Amino acid sequence: MNIRGCATAGVVAWHRTLRKALLGPNLPDVWLPREHTPSHTLSQESLQRKSFDVNLKFYDHLKPLLWCQHVLFLFGCLRLAIPLGANEHNAVILEGKPIAKEIKLRVTDELRRMKISIGRFPRLSVVLVGDRRDSHTFIHIKLKACNQVGIETVVTQLPENCAESDLLDAVSGFNLDPDVHGIIVQLPLPQHLDEEKIINVVSPEKDVDGFHPLNVGNLAIRGRKPLFIPCAPKGCIELLLRHGVEIKGKRAVIIGRSKIVGLPTSLLLQRHHATVSMLHAYTKDPQQITSEADIVVADVGIPNIVRGNWLKKGAVVIDMGSNQVKDPSGHGFRVSGDVCFEEAVKVASAITPVPGGVGPVTVSMLLSNTLDSAKRAFGMV
């Protein structure tokens, strides 16, 4: 009996810690005049800039000597002061697979302890409409991940031309089933179906995708906690936190304002006290705005729209795009992001690859959300 109690307490404690971290520190909005900023708060970047300015002034004194017979000697001396490889730049690759693997292992362990403690396990219901190749691929990946950790799945597939009432009935049935703890409706839906109406019908308590207006609204309001955070934005923040990327006080640009990625990602970054700009199809001079950002998140579904000259040197780039493009070799297709990786990797300080970046972490967050839902249903929170 004591073993079961300890297992339940451990599951609850770990998830409370994870949720608190993802929602960011609850800091007060206290504005301080610039003149009151202590001198010791100068960043390493500013110190390096001051040092660089001093070196430039020193170099100005050397200009008159450039025409003298010692020019080659002086140039050699100056070059010795420059670190080797200073003109070469390789960004850190923010791999998502190791993080996803760790999260899956934790979820698997918690599910094992849950079964020992109460003898029950989560169940995820998936609703798929039509025969879109990308939708079927995403569902296959999600079902495989659920099977690996021990989450039971149920799939309902409807034809492309199904009536909206049929889809609503399928979702409503899962809402009423006490053995179902998570519901996902794979998007996008065929054009004749009202996505907003379908999303609104999903029970907020089973909305493991985090798209219901109640969950998005609570994410937007400081001090409130949504039942679920959308998986892709949650994965984005997890990547940044795990790799030690500083968010607080940084300028972040979100390229794309979809309700699935762009909007909730901007809300999460604000929770972590970043200054966020959101770019969309009507934004004027998006390149200029992006070039001022410390953190760039792209999700517009256009391959290579973000080029290297869009980025500030040292920016952190999170590429959440996933586009199927023809392989240059002529053999089939390959997956490409929204960022031109070959150019961005030479400018950014860190960048996610596509595939293998945010994607794997996103799937692991679906597992985590489904586990959270089951815990609430079982009274473990």
Foldseek 3Di string as FASTA:
>chain_A
DVLLVVLLVVVVVVVVVLQDVLLADQDDPDDDDPVPDDPVPDDPVVVVVVVVVVVVVVVVVCVVVCPPPCNVVVVVVVVVVDDPCPLFFFAAALFLVVVLVVLLVVLLVSQVSVCVNPVAAAEEEEEEEADDPVLVVVVVVLVVSCVVSPYHYHYDYYYLPDDQVVLLVVQVVLQPDLRHLAYDYGDDHRPVHDPLVSLCSHDQLRHQQQLHPQQLVQLQDPPGHRLYQHLLLSLVSVSCVVVVNQLAAFEEEEEDCDSNHRVSNQSSSVSNHHHYDYHYPPDPPQLVVQQRGQEYEYEDQAFAQAFLSSHHAAHEYEFPHWYWDQDPVRPGTDTGTNHPCVNNRRRYNYYYHPPRHSVSSSSSSSSVSSRSSVCVSVVSD
